[in-house]
Amino acid sequence: MTRRRYPLVATVTTVTTVTTVAVVGAALSACGSSDEPAPAAVDLGPVVTAPASAPETGPITDSAVLQAALLTAADLPPGFAPLPDPVDDLGLAPDTGNATDRSRTDPTGCANVLDTVSRQVPGAAASAEENLAGPGFTSVDVDAAGYAGTAAADAFATVQSTFRDCTTYTGTDFDGTPVQYRLEPLQQPAVGDASTAVRLTTTSEGFTLVSDAVVAVVGSTVVQVVATGPDAANGDLLTGLARTTTDRIRAASQPK
């Protein structure tokens, strides 16, 4: 996962503050033996199809409008706050690129799992993301990307295709520590015009992080909401967060 939530998810950029990276990186250190049996295949169930016709309202083209529709700390349980920027907010020295990054993902394409939609599928008319950290290694991340014509349906299909190609995969973190990943279907009520949900389990030396994700299409926008922690997210909470986000995106899409 090359995004921001918890950097160990295959170049995992899922939690990109230096503080979180250091703590989680220490917890997810080294891993199991090469003699372990190959994991069983995972059936993600049927592909979910988004409406194929172009939405009448067209895409949101202002990223600020998308950003305003995303979740904030006020929508989450107490203890959540925006992830601080390591340089601007924490006063840490910028990354000079002198350290050797030994992170990798195998297969390489699985680095896209739970990356932001706009990075998985370039060409968005507008995009936005919000990353919120909570207590006990928890985080909630939401992103949205708007596409012209029928491209939102295509982007939704691309995300699902990556899921199906990456039900089990491996990788290493920045320091070269091995990490294992397993993607499984997650039962969640439908939101938006079409949606799918998965659970990504990231394991290294007995320490586990669970990311429960909902990906939905709302008109011309693809939305992704991910809740991560040592334990599975509360299903009702995840559903509520996904529904709140898709409802706000739909409202923002309406002509003013």
C-alpha atoms as a PDB file:
ATOM      1  CA  MET A   1       0.000   0.000   0.000  1.00  0.00           C
ATOM      2  CA  THR A   2       1.742   3.147  -1.050  1.00  0.00           C
ATOM      3  CA  ARG A   3      -0.316   5.710   0.669  1.00  0.00           C
ATOM      4  CA  ARG A   4      -0.329   7.145   4.092  1.00  0.00           C
ATOM      5  CA  ARG A   5      -1.957   5.024   6.739  1.00  0.00           C
ATOM      6  CA  TYR A   6       0.690   2.779   8.240  1.00  0.00           C
ATOM      7  CA  PRO A   7       3.934   2.791   6.370  1.00  0.00           C
ATOM      8  CA  LEU A   8       4.512  -0.907   6.675  1.00  0.00           C
ATOM      9  CA  VAL A   9       1.877  -1.868   4.208  1.00  0.00           C
ATOM     10  CA  ALA A  10       4.232  -2.319   1.335  1.00  0.00           C
ATOM     11  CA  THR A  11       5.767   1.062   1.064  1.00  0.00           C
ATOM     12  CA  VAL A  12       2.792   1.709   3.181  1.00  0.00           C
ATOM     13  CA  THR A  13       2.378   5.382   3.246  1.00  0.00           C
ATOM     14  CA  THR A  14      -0.847   5.097   5.103  1.00  0.00           C
ATOM     15  CA  VAL A  15       0.327   6.606   8.348  1.00  0.00           C
ATOM     16  CA  THR A  16       2.945   9.040   7.301  1.00  0.00           C
ATOM     17  CA  THR A  17       3.882  10.933  10.391  1.00  0.00           C
ATOM     18  CA  VAL A  18       7.359  10.241  11.653  1.00  0.00           C
ATOM     19  CA  THR A  19       5.965   9.561  15.112  1.00  0.00           C
ATOM     20  CA  THR A  20       3.461   6.957  13.963  1.00  0.00           C
ATOM     21  CA  VAL A  21       5.927   5.430  11.531  1.00  0.00           C
ATOM     22  CA  ALA A  22       8.520   5.016  14.258  1.00  0.00           C
ATOM     23  CA  VAL A  23       6.140   3.453  16.769  1.00  0.00           C
ATOM     24  CA  VAL A  24       4.307   1.194  14.351  1.00  0.00           C
ATOM     25  CA  GLY A  25       7.537   0.348  12.558  1.00  0.00           C
ATOM     26  CA  ALA A  26       9.030  -0.811  15.849  1.00  0.00           C
ATOM     27  CA  ALA A  27       5.958  -2.891  16.603  1.00  0.00           C
ATOM     28  CA  LEU A  28       5.829  -4.485  13.159  1.00  0.00           C
ATOM     29  CA  SER A  29       9.383  -5.724  13.135  1.00  0.00           C
ATOM     30  CA  ALA A  30      10.698  -8.899  11.473  1.00  0.00           C
ATOM     31  CA  CYS A  31       8.606 -11.822  10.417  1.00  0.00           C
ATOM     32  CA  GLY A  32       7.911 -15.480   9.925  1.00  0.00           C
ATOM     33  CA  SER A  33       9.801 -18.283   8.311  1.00  0.00           C
ATOM     34  CA  SER A  34       9.989 -19.163   4.639  1.00  0.00           C
ATOM     35  CA  ASP A  35       8.942 -22.699   5.641  1.00  0.00           C
ATOM     36  CA  GLU A  36       5.413 -21.557   6.442  1.00  0.00           C
ATOM     37  CA  PRO A  37       2.736 -23.128   4.192  1.00  0.00           C
ATOM     38  CA  ALA A  38       1.355 -21.051   1.348  1.00  0.00           C
ATOM     39  CA  PRO A  39      -1.845 -19.224   2.384  1.00  0.00           C
ATOM     40  CA  ALA A  40      -5.144 -20.476   1.045  1.00  0.00           C
ATOM     41  CA  ALA A  41      -6.747 -18.634  -1.854  1.00  0.00           C
ATOM     42  CA  VAL A  42      -9.301 -15.966  -0.957  1.00  0.00           C
ATOM     43  CA  ASP A  43     -12.649 -15.554  -2.707  1.00  0.00           C
ATOM     44  CA  LEU A  44     -13.711 -11.900  -2.677  1.00  0.00           C
ATOM     45  CA  GLY A  45     -17.128 -12.719  -4.104  1.00  0.00           C
ATOM     46  CA  PRO A  46     -18.750 -11.126  -7.159  1.00  0.00           C
ATOM     47  CA  VAL A  47     -17.446  -7.908  -8.674  1.00  0.00           C
ATOM     48  CA  VAL A  48     -19.641  -4.909  -7.862  1.00  0.00           C
ATOM     49  CA  THR A  49     -20.613  -2.878 -10.918  1.00  0.00           C
ATOM     50  CA  ALA A  50     -21.054   0.887 -10.771  1.00  0.00           C
ATOM     51  CA  PRO A  51     -23.625   2.656 -12.981  1.00  0.00           C
ATOM     52  CA  ALA A  52     -22.132   2.743 -16.482  1.00  0.00           C
ATOM     53  CA  SER A  53     -23.826   5.920 -17.697  1.00  0.00           C
ATOM     54  CA  ALA A  54     -22.203   9.292 -17.085  1.00  0.00           C
ATOM     55  CA  PRO A  55     -23.838  11.164 -14.167  1.00  0.00           C
ATOM     56  CA  GLU A  56     -25.887  14.185 -15.220  1.00  0.00           C
ATOM     57  CA  THR A  57     -24.145  16.521 -12.768  1.00  0.00           C
ATOM     58  CA  GLY A  58     -20.606  15.814 -13.981  1.00  0.00           C
ATOM     59  CA  PRO A  59     -17.543  15.569 -11.726  1.00  0.00           C
ATOM     60  CA  ILE A  60     -16.591  17.886  -8.882  1.00  0.00           C
ATOM     61  CA  THR A  61     -13.650  19.814 -10.339  1.00  0.00           C
ATOM     62  CA  ASP A  62     -12.655  21.811  -7.235  1.00  0.00           C
ATOM     63  CA  SER A  63     -10.477  19.822  -4.822  1.00  0.00           C
ATOM     64  CA  ALA A  64     -11.383  22.232  -2.024  1.00  0.00           C
ATOM     65  CA  VAL A  65     -15.034  21.256  -2.428  1.00  0.00           C
ATOM     66  CA  LEU A  66     -14.126  17.572  -2.143  1.00  0.00           C
ATOM     67  CA  GLN A  67     -11.928  18.274   0.873  1.00  0.00           C
ATOM     68  CA  ALA A  68     -14.767  20.060   2.644  1.00  0.00           C
ATOM     69  CA  ALA A  69     -16.991  16.999   2.191  1.00  0.00           C
ATOM     70  CA  LEU A  70     -14.569  14.571   3.858  1.00  0.00           C
ATOM     71  CA  LEU A  71     -14.612  13.380   7.453  1.00  0.00           C
ATOM     72  CA  THR A  72     -13.031  15.452  10.212  1.00  0.00           C
ATOM     73  CA  ALA A  73     -12.111  14.656  13.800  1.00  0.00           C
ATOM     74  CA  ALA A  74     -15.548  15.941  14.835  1.00  0.00           C
ATOM     75  CA  ASP A  75     -17.132  12.964  13.026  1.00  0.00           C
ATOM     76  CA  LEU A  76     -15.061  10.410  14.967  1.00  0.00           C
ATOM     77  CA  PRO A  77     -14.978   9.111  18.533  1.00  0.00           C
ATOM     78  CA  PRO A  78     -12.978  11.196  21.056  1.00  0.00           C
ATOM     79  CA  GLY A  79      -9.221  10.959  20.744  1.00  0.00           C
ATOM     80  CA  PHE A  80      -8.900  11.350  16.980  1.00  0.00           C
ATOM     81  CA  ALA A  81      -7.019  14.260  15.436  1.00  0.00           C
ATOM     82  CA  PRO A  82      -5.512  15.094  12.026  1.00  0.00           C
ATOM     83  CA  LEU A  83      -2.122  13.522  11.448  1.00  0.00           C
ATOM     84  CA  PRO A  84       0.498  16.232  11.892  1.00  0.00           C
ATOM     85  CA  ASP A  85       2.987  17.060   9.171  1.00  0.00           C
ATOM     86  CA  PRO A  86       6.453  15.942  10.358  1.00  0.00           C
ATOM     87  CA  VAL A  87       8.143  19.145   9.155  1.00  0.00           C
ATOM     88  CA  ASP A  88       5.484  21.845   9.412  1.00  0.00           C
ATOM     89  CA  ASP A  89       3.721  20.617  12.567  1.00  0.00           C
ATOM     90  CA  LEU A  90       6.352  18.621  14.471  1.00  0.00           C
ATOM     91  CA  GLY A  91       9.398  20.690  13.566  1.00  0.00           C
ATOM     92  CA  LEU A  92      11.376  17.670  12.364  1.00  0.00           C
ATOM     93  CA  ALA A  93      14.091  17.929   9.748  1.00  0.00           C
ATOM     94  CA  PRO A  94      12.960  17.266   6.164  1.00  0.00           C
ATOM     95  CA  ASP A  95      13.806  13.900   4.660  1.00  0.00           C
ATOM     96  CA  THR A  96      17.028  14.417   2.726  1.00  0.00           C
ATOM     97  CA  GLY A  97      16.850  11.053   1.035  1.00  0.00           C
ATOM     98  CA  ASN A  98      20.157   9.891   2.569  1.00  0.00           C
ATOM     99  CA  ALA A  99      18.665   6.820   4.250  1.00  0.00           C
ATOM    100  CA  THR A 100      18.318   3.675   2.179  1.00  0.00           C
ATOM    101  CA  ASP A 101      14.683   2.761   1.607  1.00  0.00           C
ATOM    102  CA  ARG A 102      14.494  -1.040   1.472  1.00  0.00           C
ATOM    103  CA  SER A 103      10.718  -1.236   1.198  1.00  0.00           C
ATOM    104  CA  ARG A 104       9.198  -3.335  -1.565  1.00  0.00           C
ATOM    105  CA  THR A 105       6.017  -5.191  -2.443  1.00  0.00           C
ATOM    106  CA  ASP A 106       5.682  -8.577  -4.122  1.00  0.00           C
ATOM    107  CA  PRO A 107       3.873  -8.518  -6.504  1.00  0.00           C
ATOM    108  CA  THR A 108       4.775  -4.896  -7.192  1.00  0.00           C
ATOM    109  CA  GLY A 109       1.221  -3.934  -8.212  1.00  0.00           C
ATOM    110  CA  CYS A 110      -0.055  -4.804  -4.742  1.00  0.00           C
ATOM    111  CA  ALA A 111       1.578  -1.629  -3.450  1.00  0.00           C
ATOM    112  CA  ASN A 112      -1.613   0.020  -4.759  1.00  0.00           C
ATOM    113  CA  VAL A 113      -3.851  -1.766  -2.249  1.00  0.00           C
ATOM    114  CA  LEU A 114      -5.626   0.940  -0.210  1.00  0.00           C
ATOM    115  CA  ASP A 115      -3.544   3.690  -1.778  1.00  0.00           C
ATOM    116  CA  THR A 116      -5.625   6.770  -2.544  1.00  0.00           C
ATOM    117  CA  VAL A 117      -7.924   6.321  -5.528  1.00  0.00           C
ATOM    118  CA  SER A 118      -6.374   9.288  -7.335  1.00  0.00           C
ATOM    119  CA  ARG A 119      -2.933   7.666  -7.170  1.00  0.00           C
ATOM    120  CA  GLN A 120      -4.252   4.268  -8.184  1.00  0.00           C
ATOM    121  CA  VAL A 121      -6.139   5.761 -11.127  1.00  0.00           C
ATOM    122  CA  PRO A 122      -4.529   8.975 -12.438  1.00  0.00           C
ATOM    123  CA  GLY A 123      -6.544  11.556 -14.344  1.00  0.00           C
ATOM    124  CA  ALA A 124      -8.964  12.722 -11.646  1.00  0.00           C
ATOM    125  CA  ALA A 125     -10.598  16.107 -12.195  1.00  0.00           C
ATOM    126  CA  ALA A 126     -10.223  16.768  -8.461  1.00  0.00           C
ATOM    127  CA  SER A 127      -9.074  14.807  -5.418  1.00  0.00           C
ATOM    128  CA  ALA A 128      -8.755  15.131  -1.658  1.00  0.00           C
ATOM    129  CA  GLU A 129      -7.750  13.079   1.372  1.00  0.00           C
ATOM    130  CA  GLU A 130      -7.914  13.353   5.154  1.00  0.00           C
ATOM    131  CA  ASN A 131      -5.867  11.251   7.588  1.00  0.00           C
ATOM    132  CA  LEU A 132      -6.842  11.070  11.254  1.00  0.00           C
ATOM    133  CA  ALA A 133      -4.915   9.323  14.024  1.00  0.00           C
ATOM    134  CA  GLY A 134      -6.528   7.934  17.151  1.00  0.00           C
ATOM    135  CA  PRO A 135      -5.476   6.164  20.341  1.00  0.00           C
ATOM    136  CA  GLY A 136      -3.767   2.776  20.389  1.00  0.00           C
ATOM    137  CA  PHE A 137      -2.331   2.699  16.853  1.00  0.00           C
ATOM    138  CA  THR A 138      -5.726   3.435  15.301  1.00  0.00           C
ATOM    139  CA  SER A 139      -6.371   5.651  12.310  1.00  0.00           C
ATOM    140  CA  VAL A 140      -9.173   6.620   9.960  1.00  0.00           C
ATOM    141  CA  ASP A 141      -8.336   7.714   6.432  1.00  0.00           C
ATOM    142  CA  VAL A 142     -10.683   8.945   3.752  1.00  0.00           C
ATOM    143  CA  ASP A 143     -10.023  10.027   0.186  1.00  0.00           C
ATOM    144  CA  ALA A 144     -12.116  10.975  -2.825  1.00  0.00           C
ATOM    145  CA  ALA A 145     -11.442  11.456  -6.538  1.00  0.00           C
ATOM    146  CA  GLY A 146     -13.788  12.849  -9.189  1.00  0.00           C
ATOM    147  CA  TYR A 147     -13.669  11.686 -12.813  1.00  0.00           C
ATOM    148  CA  ALA A 148     -15.268  12.927 -16.024  1.00  0.00           C
ATOM    149  CA  GLY A 149     -17.692  10.880 -18.089  1.00  0.00           C
ATOM    150  CA  THR A 150     -17.861   7.222 -17.103  1.00  0.00           C
ATOM    151  CA  ALA A 151     -14.320   7.174 -15.680  1.00  0.00           C
ATOM    152  CA  ALA A 152     -15.542   6.881 -12.077  1.00  0.00           C
ATOM    153  CA  ALA A 153     -17.036   3.481 -12.888  1.00  0.00           C
ATOM    154  CA  ASP A 154     -13.762   2.508 -14.566  1.00  0.00           C
ATOM    155  CA  ALA A 155     -11.755   3.647 -11.521  1.00  0.00           C
ATOM    156  CA  PHE A 156     -14.031   1.651  -9.221  1.00  0.00           C
ATOM    157  CA  ALA A 157     -13.430  -1.408 -11.410  1.00  0.00           C
ATOM    158  CA  THR A 158      -9.666  -0.833 -11.332  1.00  0.00           C
ATOM    159  CA  VAL A 159      -9.626  -0.729  -7.530  1.00  0.00           C
ATOM    160  CA  GLN A 160     -11.550  -4.005  -7.384  1.00  0.00           C
ATOM    161  CA  SER A 161      -9.218  -5.595  -9.923  1.00  0.00           C
ATOM    162  CA  THR A 162      -6.252  -4.750  -7.710  1.00  0.00           C
ATOM    163  CA  PHE A 163      -8.017  -6.309  -4.733  1.00  0.00           C
ATOM    164  CA  ARG A 164      -8.528  -9.541  -6.681  1.00  0.00           C
ATOM    165  CA  ASP A 165      -4.906  -9.681  -7.770  1.00  0.00           C
ATOM    166  CA  CYS A 166      -3.669  -9.097  -4.212  1.00  0.00           C
ATOM    167  CA  THR A 167      -5.564 -11.316  -1.798  1.00  0.00           C
ATOM    168  CA  THR A 168      -2.246 -12.533  -0.382  1.00  0.00           C
ATOM    169  CA  TYR A 169       1.102 -10.841  -0.870  1.00  0.00           C
ATOM    170  CA  THR A 170       4.320  -9.958   0.909  1.00  0.00           C
ATOM    171  CA  GLY A 171       6.720  -7.069   1.239  1.00  0.00           C
ATOM    172  CA  THR A 172       9.234  -5.291   3.416  1.00  0.00           C
ATOM    173  CA  ASP A 173       9.155  -2.010   5.303  1.00  0.00           C
ATOM    174  CA  PHE A 174      11.604   0.902   5.002  1.00  0.00           C
ATOM    175  CA  ASP A 175      14.233  -1.027   6.982  1.00  0.00           C
ATOM    176  CA  GLY A 176      13.752  -4.245   5.019  1.00  0.00           C
ATOM    177  CA  THR A 177      11.689  -6.021   7.672  1.00  0.00           C
ATOM    178  CA  PRO A 178       9.412  -8.654   6.068  1.00  0.00           C
ATOM    179  CA  VAL A 179       5.648  -8.122   6.267  1.00  0.00           C
ATOM    180  CA  GLN A 180       2.733 -10.330   5.181  1.00  0.00           C
ATOM    181  CA  TYR A 181      -0.643  -9.163   3.872  1.00  0.00           C
ATOM    182  CA  ARG A 182      -3.997 -10.882   3.474  1.00  0.00           C
ATOM    183  CA  LEU A 183      -7.079  -9.320   1.863  1.00  0.00           C
ATOM    184  CA  GLU A 184     -10.553 -10.733   2.544  1.00  0.00           C
ATOM    185  CA  PRO A 185     -14.147  -9.744   1.820  1.00  0.00           C
ATOM    186  CA  LEU A 186     -15.913  -7.635   4.450  1.00  0.00           C
ATOM    187  CA  GLN A 187     -19.668  -7.602   4.842  1.00  0.00           C
ATOM    188  CA  GLN A 188     -20.916  -4.012   4.951  1.00  0.00           C
ATOM    189  CA  PRO A 189     -24.232  -2.393   3.949  1.00  0.00           C
ATOM    190  CA  ALA A 190     -24.139  -0.737   0.530  1.00  0.00           C
ATOM    191  CA  VAL A 191     -23.524   3.011   0.420  1.00  0.00           C
ATOM    192  CA  GLY A 192     -23.495   5.497  -2.445  1.00  0.00           C
ATOM    193  CA  ASP A 193     -24.475   4.273  -5.908  1.00  0.00           C
ATOM    194  CA  ALA A 194     -22.357   1.130  -5.530  1.00  0.00           C
ATOM    195  CA  SER A 195     -19.838  -0.042  -2.946  1.00  0.00           C
ATOM    196  CA  THR A 196     -17.573  -2.872  -1.902  1.00  0.00           C
ATOM    197  CA  ALA A 197     -15.705  -3.583   1.323  1.00  0.00           C
ATOM    198  CA  VAL A 198     -12.547  -5.511   2.219  1.00  0.00           C
ATOM    199  CA  ARG A 199     -10.367  -6.268   5.218  1.00  0.00           C
ATOM    200  CA  LEU A 200      -6.580  -6.060   4.863  1.00  0.00           C
ATOM    201  CA  THR A 201      -4.612  -7.806   7.619  1.00  0.00           C
ATOM    202  CA  THR A 202      -0.954  -6.815   7.932  1.00  0.00           C
ATOM    203  CA  THR A 203       1.248  -9.080  10.058  1.00  0.00           C
ATOM    204  CA  SER A 204       4.878  -9.130  11.164  1.00  0.00           C
ATOM    205  CA  GLU A 205       6.394 -11.127  14.021  1.00  0.00           C
ATOM    206  CA  GLY A 206       3.062 -11.687  15.674  1.00  0.00           C
ATOM    207  CA  PHE A 207       1.953  -8.056  15.579  1.00  0.00           C
ATOM    208  CA  THR A 208      -1.121  -7.377  13.455  1.00  0.00           C
ATOM    209  CA  LEU A 209      -2.862  -4.335  12.039  1.00  0.00           C
ATOM    210  CA  VAL A 210      -6.334  -4.659  10.543  1.00  0.00           C
ATOM    211  CA  SER A 211      -7.615  -2.210   7.928  1.00  0.00           C
ATOM    212  CA  ASP A 212     -11.339  -2.328   7.170  1.00  0.00           C
ATOM    213  CA  ALA A 213     -12.126  -0.420   3.991  1.00  0.00           C
ATOM    214  CA  VAL A 214     -15.226   0.689   2.113  1.00  0.00           C
ATOM    215  CA  VAL A 215     -14.868   1.893  -1.481  1.00  0.00           C
ATOM    216  CA  ALA A 216     -17.926   3.523  -3.059  1.00  0.00           C
ATOM    217  CA  VAL A 217     -19.040   5.393  -6.153  1.00  0.00           C
ATOM    218  CA  VAL A 218     -21.193   8.498  -5.762  1.00  0.00           C
ATOM    219  CA  GLY A 219     -22.054  10.002  -9.122  1.00  0.00           C
ATOM    220  CA  SER A 220     -18.709  10.911 -10.697  1.00  0.00           C
ATOM    221  CA  THR A 221     -16.718  10.450  -7.481  1.00  0.00           C
ATOM    222  CA  VAL A 222     -14.993   7.399  -6.018  1.00  0.00           C
ATOM    223  CA  VAL A 223     -14.701   7.486  -2.214  1.00  0.00           C
ATOM    224  CA  GLN A 224     -12.564   5.311   0.058  1.00  0.00           C
ATOM    225  CA  VAL A 225     -12.874   5.115   3.856  1.00  0.00           C
ATOM    226  CA  VAL A 226     -10.389   3.006   5.833  1.00  0.00           C
ATOM    227  CA  ALA A 227     -10.323   2.306   9.570  1.00  0.00           C
ATOM    228  CA  THR A 228      -7.075   0.749  10.859  1.00  0.00           C
ATOM    229  CA  GLY A 229      -6.036  -0.624  14.227  1.00  0.00           C
ATOM    230  CA  PRO A 230      -4.737  -3.690  16.057  1.00  0.00           C
ATOM    231  CA  ASP A 231      -8.329  -4.985  16.087  1.00  0.00           C
ATOM    232  CA  ALA A 232     -11.095  -4.937  13.494  1.00  0.00           C
ATOM    233  CA  ALA A 233     -13.093  -1.737  13.311  1.00  0.00           C
ATOM    234  CA  ASN A 234     -16.582  -1.477  14.750  1.00  0.00           C
ATOM    235  CA  GLY A 235     -18.793  -2.386  11.791  1.00  0.00           C
ATOM    236  CA  ASP A 236     -21.533   0.097  12.625  1.00  0.00           C
ATOM    237  CA  LEU A 237     -18.985   2.885  13.021  1.00  0.00           C
ATOM    238  CA  LEU A 238     -17.391   2.109   9.647  1.00  0.00           C
ATOM    239  CA  THR A 239     -20.800   2.008   7.979  1.00  0.00           C
ATOM    240  CA  GLY A 240     -21.721   5.345   9.516  1.00  0.00           C
ATOM    241  CA  LEU A 241     -18.469   6.965   8.431  1.00  0.00           C
ATOM    242  CA  ALA A 242     -18.850   5.665   4.877  1.00  0.00           C
ATOM    243  CA  ARG A 243     -22.487   6.776   4.687  1.00  0.00           C
ATOM    244  CA  THR A 244     -21.694  10.227   6.083  1.00  0.00           C
ATOM    245  CA  THR A 245     -18.941  10.705   3.515  1.00  0.00           C
ATOM    246  CA  THR A 246     -20.974   9.511   0.539  1.00  0.00           C
ATOM    247  CA  ASP A 247     -23.953  11.644   1.582  1.00  0.00           C
ATOM    248  CA  ARG A 248     -21.747  14.730   1.805  1.00  0.00           C
ATOM    249  CA  ILE A 249     -20.156  14.003  -1.576  1.00  0.00           C
ATOM    250  CA  ARG A 250     -23.597  13.648  -3.130  1.00  0.00           C
ATOM    251  CA  ALA A 251     -24.729  16.942  -1.628  1.00  0.00           C
ATOM    252  CA  ALA A 252     -21.544  18.649  -2.866  1.00  0.00           C
ATOM    253  CA  SER A 253     -22.206  17.293  -6.371  1.00  0.00           C
ATOM    254  CA  GLN A 254     -25.603  18.950  -6.705  1.00  0.00           C
ATOM    255  CA  PRO A 255     -25.860  22.152  -8.782  1.00  0.00           C
ATOM    256  CA  LYS A 256     -25.882  25.249  -6.607  1.00  0.00           C
END
